[in-house]
Amino acid sequence: MTPTQALLFQPTRIGDIEVANRVVMAPLTRCRADEAAGDVPGSEMNVTYYRQRSTAGLIISEATQVSLGGKGYRATPGIYSDAQVEGWKHITQAVNAAGSKIVAQIWHVGRISHPEMTGGLQPVAPSAVAPNIMTHSRNGKSPAPVPHALTASEIKDVVNQYRQGAANAMRAGFDGVEIHGANGYLIDQFLRESTNLRTDTYGGLPANRIRFALEVVDAVVAEIGAGLTGIRLSPVSPANDSAESQPQAVFGPLVEALSERGIAFIHFVEGATGGPRDLPGFDFAWARKTFKGAYIANNGYTREMALDAVESGRADAVAFGRPYIANPDLVQRLQLNAPLAAVNPKTIYVPGPEGYIDYPSFHAT
């Protein structure tokens, strides 16, 4: 079998989205939106960055907040204003013209924020439990404040922010939406016992703790359709000071409920985000068998692992994160088994083109 014949490089459908190959660009926060203009993406530099990586079958955008209150980091883009929608149009048009598909990852950071990031608004969460981390502020990092515990009516408002974010994403020309339900952000905070101490219908039993996630999914599906809706989950990752002693008991029913809804895909972080893959507590093979939509695997995949995962049927597609920072032509490099360029960690989040659009493409000799 030649590299081009490998299933990883063959077309497929992810829900209603037809993709040219099964290599996915994972969401990558790069902090290059125009903060002064209101967290607007779509500069010539932003367009170039996404266009360079458009040999991926599917691009998942960097996380984009559904409201100012959902922002946790400087210069991350939004999807809640008309200016942001117009900015994203430049990116989606460039990606589609280059032959790739792109979905918007819609995001609310919840308690992983600081009032200086949210226009003075207190961060929100399922419960008033501060994360034991330093959060970003205008002058560097500061201890995370105690968040405001959302009321039932406020939860409905946030659900509607996700719905509107999905609607705005389609106006901006995206091919679908990925709901960010991973890495200790708001949806994940509702799922986990360490961050959700509620005693109402959103807390306690797993059936209650998955309620918010499902309400968000149902709102997005009602807006854009199940075939264009996906979600990212990280059942065992301790990212952002999140913990759950029984991930299978919580994420298992969630996966079953998502399958019943017929959504396009679940994008799984297998293990600790950016860390060890072999953490116990959740059966990813069970999830693959149980979920009827596409299974997108993520976290530390090598070329060999990705080829094997897709050929064996353990995954429908594989998402690569950090390799896409320094290798805009990652699909070609994977096909040719070419060496991968290394990421310069000093330029991941800094403004400007360095370490953003100046990584060279590989040229076979």
Protein backbone atom coordinates (compact mmCIF):
# COMPACT_ATOMS: atom_id res chain seq x y z
CA MET A 1 0.00 0.00 0.00
CA THR A 2 1.42 3.36 -1.03
CA PRO A 3 1.09 6.36 1.32
CA THR A 4 -1.57 7.93 -0.89
CA GLN A 5 -3.64 4.72 -0.69
CA ALA A 6 -3.72 4.72 3.11
CA LEU A 7 -7.20 5.26 4.50
CA LEU A 8 -5.96 8.28 6.49
CA PHE A 9 -5.58 10.17 3.22
CA GLN A 10 -8.85 9.08 1.62
CA PRO A 11 -12.07 11.16 1.50
CA THR A 12 -14.91 10.54 3.91
CA ARG A 13 -17.94 12.19 5.49
CA ILE A 14 -18.01 13.52 9.02
CA GLY A 15 -21.71 13.92 9.62
CA ASP A 16 -22.93 16.04 6.70
CA ILE A 17 -19.44 17.40 6.02
CA GLU A 18 -17.53 15.87 3.12
CA VAL A 19 -13.78 16.01 3.69
CA ALA A 20 -10.89 15.28 1.32
CA ASN A 21 -8.94 13.27 3.87
CA ARG A 22 -9.10 12.16 7.51
CA VAL A 23 -6.37 14.41 8.84
CA VAL A 24 -7.90 17.04 11.12
CA MET A 25 -6.29 20.23 12.34
CA ALA A 26 -7.11 20.45 16.03
CA PRO A 27 -8.17 23.77 17.58
CA LEU A 28 -5.12 25.87 18.42
CA THR A 29 -5.32 29.07 20.46
CA ARG A 30 -2.80 31.48 18.95
CA CYS A 31 -3.86 34.86 20.41
CA ARG A 32 -3.68 36.81 17.15
CA ALA A 33 -7.16 38.37 16.96
CA ASP A 34 -7.48 42.16 16.87
CA GLU A 35 -8.23 42.84 20.52
CA ALA A 36 -8.44 46.62 20.07
CA ALA A 37 -11.20 46.14 17.48
CA GLY A 38 -13.18 43.82 19.77
CA ASP A 39 -11.47 40.43 19.39
CA VAL A 40 -12.01 40.43 15.64
CA PRO A 41 -10.24 37.79 13.51
CA GLY A 42 -9.71 37.90 9.78
CA SER A 43 -6.58 39.98 9.28
CA GLU A 44 -4.45 39.16 6.25
CA MET A 45 -2.11 37.35 8.65
CA ASN A 46 -4.96 35.26 10.09
CA VAL A 47 -6.16 34.37 6.60
CA THR A 48 -2.67 33.32 5.54
CA TYR A 49 -2.28 31.12 8.62
CA TYR A 50 -5.44 29.14 7.92
CA ARG A 51 -4.91 29.02 4.16
CA GLN A 52 -1.45 27.53 4.66
CA ARG A 53 -2.98 24.64 6.59
CA SER A 54 -5.86 23.97 4.22
CA THR A 55 -4.67 20.60 2.99
CA ALA A 56 -6.23 19.20 6.17
CA GLY A 57 -9.48 17.44 5.42
CA LEU A 58 -11.08 19.37 8.26
CA ILE A 59 -9.85 22.39 10.18
CA ILE A 60 -11.28 23.05 13.63
CA SER A 61 -10.87 26.74 14.32
CA GLU A 62 -9.10 28.11 17.34
CA ALA A 63 -11.50 28.38 20.26
CA THR A 64 -13.78 31.37 19.77
CA GLN A 65 -15.80 32.77 22.65
CA VAL A 66 -19.57 33.04 22.45
CA SER A 67 -19.67 36.18 24.61
CA LEU A 68 -17.35 38.68 26.21
CA GLY A 69 -18.05 36.95 29.52
CA GLY A 70 -16.73 33.73 28.03
CA LYS A 71 -13.27 35.12 27.30
CA GLY A 72 -10.25 33.98 29.27
CA TYR A 73 -7.18 34.98 27.27
CA ARG A 74 -5.91 38.03 25.44
CA ALA A 75 -6.53 38.37 21.69
CA THR A 76 -8.69 35.28 21.33
CA PRO A 77 -11.42 35.72 18.70
CA GLY A 78 -15.12 35.95 19.34
CA ILE A 79 -18.19 34.85 17.41
CA TYR A 80 -20.81 37.10 19.01
CA SER A 81 -20.52 40.43 17.15
CA ASP A 82 -21.18 41.40 13.54
CA ALA A 83 -17.58 42.56 13.18
CA GLN A 84 -16.31 39.17 14.31
CA VAL A 85 -18.62 37.40 11.89
CA GLU A 86 -17.38 39.56 9.03
CA GLY A 87 -13.79 38.89 10.04
CA TRP A 88 -14.29 35.14 10.10
CA LYS A 89 -15.75 35.26 6.58
CA HIS A 90 -12.32 36.10 5.14
CA ILE A 91 -10.88 32.98 6.78
CA THR A 92 -13.65 30.54 5.89
CA GLN A 93 -13.68 31.69 2.27
CA ALA A 94 -9.92 31.19 1.99
CA VAL A 95 -10.07 27.72 3.53
CA ASN A 96 -12.92 26.57 1.31
CA ALA A 97 -11.25 28.00 -1.79
CA ALA A 98 -8.15 25.96 -0.95
CA GLY A 99 -10.22 22.77 -0.82
CA SER A 100 -10.62 22.24 2.92
CA LYS A 101 -13.54 22.43 5.31
CA ILE A 102 -13.58 24.39 8.56
CA VAL A 103 -15.80 24.25 11.63
CA ALA A 104 -15.91 26.84 14.39
CA GLN A 105 -15.04 25.73 17.89
CA ILE A 106 -17.45 27.71 20.08
CA TRP A 107 -16.24 28.28 23.61
CA HIS A 108 -17.00 29.66 27.04
CA VAL A 109 -14.15 29.45 29.54
CA GLY A 110 -16.36 29.72 32.63
CA ARG A 111 -14.25 30.13 35.75
CA ILE A 112 -10.92 30.10 33.86
CA SER A 113 -10.93 33.86 33.53
CA HIS A 114 -10.40 37.18 35.24
CA PRO A 115 -12.57 40.34 35.27
CA GLU A 116 -9.88 42.11 33.26
CA MET A 117 -10.57 39.68 30.41
CA THR A 118 -14.36 40.07 30.54
CA GLY A 119 -14.85 43.82 30.63
CA GLY A 120 -15.17 43.75 34.41
CA LEU A 121 -17.65 40.88 34.58
CA GLN A 122 -17.10 38.29 37.28
CA PRO A 123 -16.25 34.88 35.80
CA VAL A 124 -19.07 32.35 36.00
CA ALA A 125 -19.21 28.64 36.77
CA PRO A 126 -21.64 25.97 37.95
CA SER A 127 -20.46 26.61 41.54
CA ALA A 128 -18.51 29.28 43.38
CA VAL A 129 -15.27 27.30 43.42
CA ALA A 130 -12.09 29.06 42.32
CA PRO A 131 -9.59 27.05 40.28
CA ASN A 132 -6.20 26.55 41.86
CA ILE A 133 -4.41 28.16 38.93
CA MET A 134 -3.20 31.54 37.78
CA THR A 135 -5.51 33.15 35.22
CA HIS A 136 -4.63 35.71 32.61
CA SER A 137 -5.12 39.40 33.27
CA ARG A 138 -3.98 42.59 31.57
CA ASN A 139 -0.72 42.62 33.50
CA GLY A 140 0.29 38.99 33.25
CA LYS A 141 -1.17 36.29 35.43
CA SER A 142 -3.18 36.65 38.63
CA PRO A 143 -4.74 34.22 41.11
CA ALA A 144 -8.09 33.06 39.83
CA PRO A 145 -11.02 34.80 41.50
CA VAL A 146 -13.99 32.98 42.98
CA PRO A 147 -16.54 32.70 40.16
CA HIS A 148 -20.21 33.56 40.32
CA ALA A 149 -22.41 30.46 40.48
CA LEU A 150 -24.84 30.63 37.59
CA THR A 151 -28.53 30.75 38.45
CA ALA A 152 -30.99 28.59 36.52
CA SER A 153 -32.11 31.57 34.44
CA GLU A 154 -28.54 32.61 33.77
CA ILE A 155 -27.78 29.08 32.55
CA LYS A 156 -30.53 29.49 29.97
CA ASP A 157 -28.91 32.73 28.84
CA VAL A 158 -25.55 31.03 28.39
CA VAL A 159 -27.14 28.18 26.44
CA ASN A 160 -28.59 30.81 24.14
CA GLN A 161 -25.13 32.33 23.71
CA TYR A 162 -23.93 29.01 22.33
CA ARG A 163 -26.97 28.83 20.05
CA GLN A 164 -26.33 32.31 18.76
CA GLY A 165 -22.64 31.51 18.35
CA ALA A 166 -23.56 28.55 16.15
CA ALA A 167 -25.92 30.70 14.09
CA ASN A 168 -23.20 33.33 13.72
CA ALA A 169 -20.70 30.67 12.68
CA MET A 170 -22.93 29.64 9.81
CA ARG A 171 -23.37 33.29 8.81
CA ALA A 172 -19.58 33.53 8.79
CA GLY A 173 -19.32 30.68 6.29
CA PHE A 174 -18.20 27.86 8.55
CA ASP A 175 -19.04 24.32 7.47
CA GLY A 176 -20.21 23.35 10.95
CA VAL A 177 -19.54 23.81 14.65
CA GLU A 178 -17.55 22.03 17.33
CA ILE A 179 -18.79 22.74 20.86
CA HIS A 180 -15.87 23.01 23.25
CA GLY A 181 -16.78 20.64 26.05
CA ALA A 182 -13.24 19.80 27.16
CA ASN A 183 -10.20 20.93 29.14
CA GLY A 184 -11.84 22.30 32.24
CA TYR A 185 -13.85 25.06 30.59
CA LEU A 186 -17.52 25.80 31.30
CA ILE A 187 -19.20 22.70 29.91
CA ASP A 188 -16.54 20.47 31.46
CA GLN A 189 -17.00 22.32 34.76
CA PHE A 190 -20.63 21.22 34.87
CA LEU A 191 -19.62 17.62 34.20
CA ARG A 192 -17.09 17.20 36.99
CA GLU A 193 -17.58 16.68 40.69
CA SER A 194 -14.69 18.95 41.66
CA THR A 195 -16.28 21.98 39.98
CA ASN A 196 -20.00 21.21 40.16
CA LEU A 197 -21.31 21.26 43.73
CA ARG A 198 -24.87 22.13 42.76
CA THR A 199 -27.89 20.51 44.41
CA ASP A 200 -30.44 21.46 41.75
CA THR A 201 -31.21 19.70 38.45
CA TYR A 202 -27.76 20.62 37.10
CA GLY A 203 -25.76 18.96 39.89
CA GLY A 204 -25.31 15.77 41.86
CA LEU A 205 -26.13 12.66 39.85
CA PRO A 206 -24.43 12.20 36.47
CA ALA A 207 -27.80 12.58 34.74
CA ASN A 208 -27.98 16.09 36.19
CA ARG A 209 -24.38 17.03 35.56
CA ILE A 210 -24.63 16.21 31.86
CA ARG A 211 -27.78 18.32 31.52
CA PHE A 212 -26.04 21.58 30.66
CA ALA A 213 -23.89 19.94 27.98
CA LEU A 214 -26.96 18.38 26.40
CA GLU A 215 -28.93 21.62 26.53
CA VAL A 216 -26.10 23.32 24.66
CA VAL A 217 -25.97 20.52 22.10
CA ASP A 218 -29.76 20.57 21.65
CA ALA A 219 -29.71 24.34 21.14
CA VAL A 220 -26.97 24.13 18.54
CA VAL A 221 -28.60 21.19 16.77
CA ALA A 222 -31.92 23.06 16.63
CA GLU A 223 -30.10 25.99 15.04
CA ILE A 224 -27.82 24.31 12.47
CA GLY A 225 -28.71 20.60 12.37
CA ALA A 226 -27.17 17.51 13.97
CA GLY A 227 -25.10 16.69 10.89
CA LEU A 228 -23.12 19.90 11.26
CA THR A 229 -22.65 19.68 15.04
CA GLY A 230 -19.76 18.11 16.92
CA ILE A 231 -18.32 18.33 20.42
CA ARG A 232 -14.88 17.99 21.98
CA LEU A 233 -14.59 16.02 25.23
CA SER A 234 -11.67 15.17 27.53
CA PRO A 235 -13.05 12.58 29.99
CA VAL A 236 -9.86 11.95 31.96
CA SER A 237 -7.85 15.12 31.46
CA PRO A 238 -7.07 17.15 34.61
CA ALA A 239 -6.68 20.37 32.60
CA ASN A 240 -7.40 23.63 34.38
CA ASP A 241 -7.72 22.08 37.83
CA SER A 242 -10.63 19.81 36.94
CA ALA A 243 -11.13 16.39 38.48
CA GLU A 244 -13.64 13.55 38.34
CA SER A 245 -13.26 10.27 40.25
CA GLN A 246 -15.64 8.30 38.00
CA PRO A 247 -15.31 9.54 34.42
CA GLN A 248 -17.05 6.53 32.89
CA ALA A 249 -20.11 7.05 35.08
CA VAL A 250 -20.46 10.64 33.85
CA PHE A 251 -19.10 10.65 30.31
CA GLY A 252 -20.58 7.26 29.45
CA PRO A 253 -24.21 8.46 29.69
CA LEU A 254 -23.18 11.65 27.90
CA VAL A 255 -21.75 9.70 24.96
CA GLU A 256 -24.91 7.57 24.79
CA ALA A 257 -27.11 10.68 24.80
CA LEU A 258 -25.00 12.34 22.12
CA SER A 259 -25.27 9.26 19.95
CA GLU A 260 -29.06 9.31 20.31
CA ARG A 261 -29.04 12.88 19.03
CA GLY A 262 -27.21 11.89 15.85
CA ILE A 263 -24.54 14.56 16.00
CA ALA A 264 -21.75 14.52 13.45
CA PHE A 265 -18.77 13.74 15.65
CA ILE A 266 -17.14 13.57 19.04
CA HIS A 267 -13.56 14.78 19.17
CA PHE A 268 -11.92 12.93 22.05
CA VAL A 269 -8.82 14.04 23.94
CA GLU A 270 -7.47 10.61 24.86
CA GLY A 271 -5.63 11.01 28.17
CA ALA A 272 -4.32 14.24 29.67
CA THR A 273 -4.48 17.21 27.33
CA GLY A 274 -1.00 17.52 25.86
CA GLY A 275 0.24 14.87 28.30
CA PRO A 276 0.14 11.13 29.07
CA ARG A 277 -2.34 9.06 27.10
CA ASP A 278 -2.62 6.14 29.50
CA LEU A 279 -4.78 7.66 32.23
CA PRO A 280 -7.43 5.28 33.62
CA GLY A 281 -11.13 5.89 34.15
CA PHE A 282 -12.74 5.96 30.71
CA ASP A 283 -13.05 3.32 28.01
CA PHE A 284 -12.39 5.06 24.71
CA ALA A 285 -12.81 1.79 22.78
CA TRP A 286 -16.29 1.49 24.30
CA ALA A 287 -17.04 5.07 23.22
CA ARG A 288 -15.95 4.26 19.67
CA LYS A 289 -18.35 1.31 19.55
CA THR A 290 -21.21 3.14 21.26
CA PHE A 291 -21.22 6.47 19.45
CA LYS A 292 -22.86 6.24 16.03
CA GLY A 293 -21.25 9.37 14.60
CA ALA A 294 -17.63 9.95 13.63
CA TYR A 295 -14.92 9.40 16.25
CA ILE A 296 -12.08 11.91 15.93
CA ALA A 297 -9.06 10.84 17.97
CA ASN A 298 -6.62 13.33 19.45
CA ASN A 299 -3.63 13.64 21.78
CA GLY A 300 -0.04 12.87 20.91
CA TYR A 301 -0.66 10.90 17.74
CA THR A 302 2.32 10.07 15.56
CA ARG A 303 2.08 9.24 11.88
CA GLU A 304 2.22 5.52 12.62
CA MET A 305 -0.43 5.77 15.34
CA ALA A 306 -2.74 7.75 13.07
CA LEU A 307 -2.36 5.37 10.14
CA ASP A 308 -3.08 2.40 12.39
CA ALA A 309 -6.03 4.02 14.19
CA VAL A 310 -7.87 4.75 10.94
CA GLU A 311 -6.93 1.50 9.14
CA SER A 312 -8.05 -0.58 12.14
CA GLY A 313 -11.29 1.34 12.54
CA ARG A 314 -10.47 2.61 16.02
CA ALA A 315 -11.05 6.15 14.74
CA ASP A 316 -12.65 7.77 11.71
CA ALA A 317 -10.14 10.61 11.67
CA VAL A 318 -7.18 11.85 13.69
CA ALA A 319 -6.65 15.42 14.88
CA PHE A 320 -3.17 16.89 15.18
CA GLY A 321 -2.54 20.00 17.27
CA ARG A 322 1.03 21.13 17.92
CA PRO A 323 2.41 19.51 14.74
CA TYR A 324 0.19 21.86 12.73
CA ILE A 325 1.81 24.93 14.28
CA ALA A 326 5.19 24.29 12.70
CA ASN A 327 4.08 22.14 9.74
CA PRO A 328 1.47 23.95 7.66
CA ASP A 329 1.76 21.19 5.04
CA LEU A 330 1.33 18.39 7.57
CA VAL A 331 -0.74 16.18 5.26
CA GLN A 332 2.02 16.10 2.65
CA ARG A 333 4.66 15.40 5.29
CA LEU A 334 2.61 12.53 6.69
CA GLN A 335 2.08 11.09 3.21
CA LEU A 336 5.81 11.22 2.42
CA ASN A 337 6.92 10.29 5.94
CA ALA A 338 8.96 13.48 5.85
CA PRO A 339 10.52 14.92 9.01
CA LEU A 340 8.40 17.30 11.05
CA ALA A 341 9.62 20.77 11.96
CA ALA A 342 9.80 21.64 15.65
CA VAL A 343 7.62 24.27 17.29
CA ASN A 344 9.26 27.39 18.69
CA PRO A 345 7.50 27.60 22.09
CA LYS A 346 8.43 31.27 22.50
CA THR A 347 6.23 32.36 19.60
CA ILE A 348 3.07 30.31 20.13
CA TYR A 349 1.05 33.09 21.75
CA VAL A 350 2.93 36.31 20.93
CA PRO A 351 1.56 38.86 18.45
CA GLY A 352 2.85 39.10 14.93
CA PRO A 353 3.82 36.79 12.08
CA GLU A 354 6.87 35.18 13.69
CA GLY A 355 6.11 31.59 14.60
CA TYR A 356 2.69 31.99 13.01
CA ILE A 357 2.94 32.18 9.22
CA ASP A 358 6.70 31.88 8.65
CA TYR A 359 7.16 28.12 9.11
CA PRO A 360 8.34 26.79 5.73
CA SER A 361 6.64 24.07 3.76
CA PHE A 362 8.48 20.84 3.04
CA HIS A 363 9.86 20.31 -0.45
CA ALA A 364 10.80 16.80 -1.45
CA THR A 365 14.12 16.48 -3.23
